[in-house]
Amino acid sequence: MSLVVNGNTYHLEVASDIIRDGLGIEVYLSDGREILAEIFRNDHLKKIQFSSFKLDIHLEVIEELMRRFELSVGRNFQDDLPDF
């Protein structure tokens, strides 16, 4: 998923994290080298977490990140798998 804001192209990517036990969406500049921000659904803690890794990010990018989080990831927490 791509987004253009003020001449910059951003890439949004859904990613799972088995260490943190959840699913999130991340935003990168189009070169893909550095994550700018993420919204993460932590299924273990039952929390939605926002992290910013860069100080200045256009509000339009954050708004689109939030919109796509709701569409692609959602707020429905997944239950922990049973221990075997």
C-alpha atoms as a PDB file:
ATOM      1  CA  MET A   1       0.000   0.000   0.000  1.00  0.00           C
ATOM      2  CA  SER A   2       1.442   3.365  -0.962  1.00  0.00           C
ATOM      3  CA  LEU A   3       0.584   6.934  -0.063  1.00  0.00           C
ATOM      4  CA  VAL A   4       1.907  10.234  -1.459  1.00  0.00           C
ATOM      5  CA  VAL A   5       1.998  13.301   0.826  1.00  0.00           C
ATOM      6  CA  ASN A   6       3.802  16.546  -0.061  1.00  0.00           C
ATOM      7  CA  GLY A   7       5.747  14.811  -2.812  1.00  0.00           C
ATOM      8  CA  ASN A   8       6.994  11.995  -0.549  1.00  0.00           C
ATOM      9  CA  THR A   9       5.912   8.427  -1.177  1.00  0.00           C
ATOM     10  CA  TYR A  10       5.205   6.295   1.891  1.00  0.00           C
ATOM     11  CA  HIS A  11       4.731   2.552   2.038  1.00  0.00           C
ATOM     12  CA  LEU A  12       2.364   0.960   4.568  1.00  0.00           C
ATOM     13  CA  GLU A  13       2.818  -2.691   5.450  1.00  0.00           C
ATOM     14  CA  VAL A  14       0.905  -5.075   7.696  1.00  0.00           C
ATOM     15  CA  ALA A  15       3.268  -7.145   9.833  1.00  0.00           C
ATOM     16  CA  SER A  16       2.882  -9.800  12.497  1.00  0.00           C
ATOM     17  CA  ASP A  17       5.193 -10.095  15.479  1.00  0.00           C
ATOM     18  CA  ILE A  18       5.326 -13.432  17.291  1.00  0.00           C
ATOM     19  CA  ILE A  19       7.642 -12.076  19.998  1.00  0.00           C
ATOM     20  CA  ARG A  20       5.232  -9.287  21.019  1.00  0.00           C
ATOM     21  CA  ASP A  21       2.210 -11.476  20.168  1.00  0.00           C
ATOM     22  CA  GLY A  22       0.240  -9.332  17.797  1.00  0.00           C
ATOM     23  CA  LEU A  23      -0.325  -7.701  14.463  1.00  0.00           C
ATOM     24  CA  GLY A  24       0.334  -4.165  13.310  1.00  0.00           C
ATOM     25  CA  ILE A  25       0.767  -1.805  10.424  1.00  0.00           C
ATOM     26  CA  GLU A  26       3.996   0.074   9.775  1.00  0.00           C
ATOM     27  CA  VAL A  27       4.793   3.103   7.637  1.00  0.00           C
ATOM     28  CA  TYR A  28       8.102   3.600   5.810  1.00  0.00           C
ATOM     29  CA  LEU A  29       9.417   6.136   3.348  1.00  0.00           C
ATOM     30  CA  SER A  30       9.343   4.588  -0.112  1.00  0.00           C
ATOM     31  CA  ASP A  31      13.017   3.528   0.120  1.00  0.00           C
ATOM     32  CA  GLY A  32      11.929   1.111   2.870  1.00  0.00           C
ATOM     33  CA  ARG A  33      15.078   1.540   4.940  1.00  0.00           C
ATOM     34  CA  GLU A  34      13.602   3.098   8.046  1.00  0.00           C
ATOM     35  CA  ILE A  35      10.315   2.557   9.837  1.00  0.00           C
ATOM     36  CA  LEU A  36       8.685   5.881  10.719  1.00  0.00           C
ATOM     37  CA  ALA A  37       5.747   4.741  12.860  1.00  0.00           C
ATOM     38  CA  GLU A  38       3.551   1.782  13.675  1.00  0.00           C
ATOM     39  CA  ILE A  39       0.220   0.933  15.218  1.00  0.00           C
ATOM     40  CA  PHE A  40       0.337  -2.452  16.899  1.00  0.00           C
ATOM     41  CA  ARG A  41      -2.434  -4.635  18.278  1.00  0.00           C
ATOM     42  CA  ASN A  42      -0.862  -6.456  21.203  1.00  0.00           C
ATOM     43  CA  ASP A  43      -3.014  -9.554  21.627  1.00  0.00           C
ATOM     44  CA  HIS A  44      -1.274 -10.682  24.813  1.00  0.00           C
ATOM     45  CA  LEU A  45      -1.694  -7.348  26.641  1.00  0.00           C
ATOM     46  CA  LYS A  46      -5.025  -6.547  24.934  1.00  0.00           C
ATOM     47  CA  LYS A  47      -3.781  -3.073  23.993  1.00  0.00           C
ATOM     48  CA  ILE A  48      -3.473  -0.991  20.851  1.00  0.00           C
ATOM     49  CA  GLN A  49      -0.076   0.707  20.838  1.00  0.00           C
ATOM     50  CA  PHE A  50       1.252   3.584  18.716  1.00  0.00           C
ATOM     51  CA  SER A  51       4.999   4.082  18.270  1.00  0.00           C
ATOM     52  CA  SER A  52       6.734   6.872  16.385  1.00  0.00           C
ATOM     53  CA  PHE A  53      10.366   6.393  15.404  1.00  0.00           C
ATOM     54  CA  LYS A  54      10.759   9.796  13.752  1.00  0.00           C
ATOM     55  CA  LEU A  55       9.977  13.163  15.278  1.00  0.00           C
ATOM     56  CA  ASP A  56       8.296  14.878  12.309  1.00  0.00           C
ATOM     57  CA  ILE A  57       5.650  12.928  10.419  1.00  0.00           C
ATOM     58  CA  HIS A  58       2.878  14.596   8.417  1.00  0.00           C
ATOM     59  CA  LEU A  59      -0.511  14.317  10.109  1.00  0.00           C
ATOM     60  CA  GLU A  60      -1.988  13.011   6.843  1.00  0.00           C
ATOM     61  CA  VAL A  61       0.378  10.034   7.039  1.00  0.00           C
ATOM     62  CA  ILE A  62      -0.659   9.252  10.625  1.00  0.00           C
ATOM     63  CA  GLU A  63      -4.353   9.608   9.737  1.00  0.00           C
ATOM     64  CA  GLU A  64      -3.945   7.179   6.832  1.00  0.00           C
ATOM     65  CA  LEU A  65      -1.965   4.793   9.067  1.00  0.00           C
ATOM     66  CA  MET A  66      -4.874   4.826  11.538  1.00  0.00           C
ATOM     67  CA  ARG A  67      -7.473   4.326   8.798  1.00  0.00           C
ATOM     68  CA  ARG A  68      -5.621   1.398   7.295  1.00  0.00           C
ATOM     69  CA  PHE A  69      -5.031  -0.128  10.724  1.00  0.00           C
ATOM     70  CA  GLU A  70      -8.790  -0.230  11.255  1.00  0.00           C
ATOM     71  CA  LEU A  71      -9.367  -1.754   7.794  1.00  0.00           C
ATOM     72  CA  SER A  72      -6.468  -4.232   7.685  1.00  0.00           C
ATOM     73  CA  VAL A  73      -5.756  -5.185  11.302  1.00  0.00           C
ATOM     74  CA  GLY A  74      -8.690  -4.109  13.434  1.00  0.00           C
ATOM     75  CA  ARG A  75      -9.254  -4.001  17.161  1.00  0.00           C
ATOM     76  CA  ASN A  76     -10.455  -7.576  17.660  1.00  0.00           C
ATOM     77  CA  PHE A  77      -7.877  -9.185  19.909  1.00  0.00           C
ATOM     78  CA  GLN A  78      -6.920 -12.777  19.209  1.00  0.00           C
ATOM     79  CA  ASP A  79      -6.984 -15.219  22.100  1.00  0.00           C
ATOM     80  CA  ASP A  80      -3.715 -16.710  23.256  1.00  0.00           C
ATOM     81  CA  LEU A  81      -3.082 -20.208  21.992  1.00  0.00           C
ATOM     82  CA  PRO A  82      -3.199 -22.910  24.652  1.00  0.00           C
ATOM     83  CA  ASP A  83       0.098 -24.252  25.977  1.00  0.00           C
ATOM     84  CA  PHE A  84       0.774 -27.864  24.987  1.00  0.00           C
END
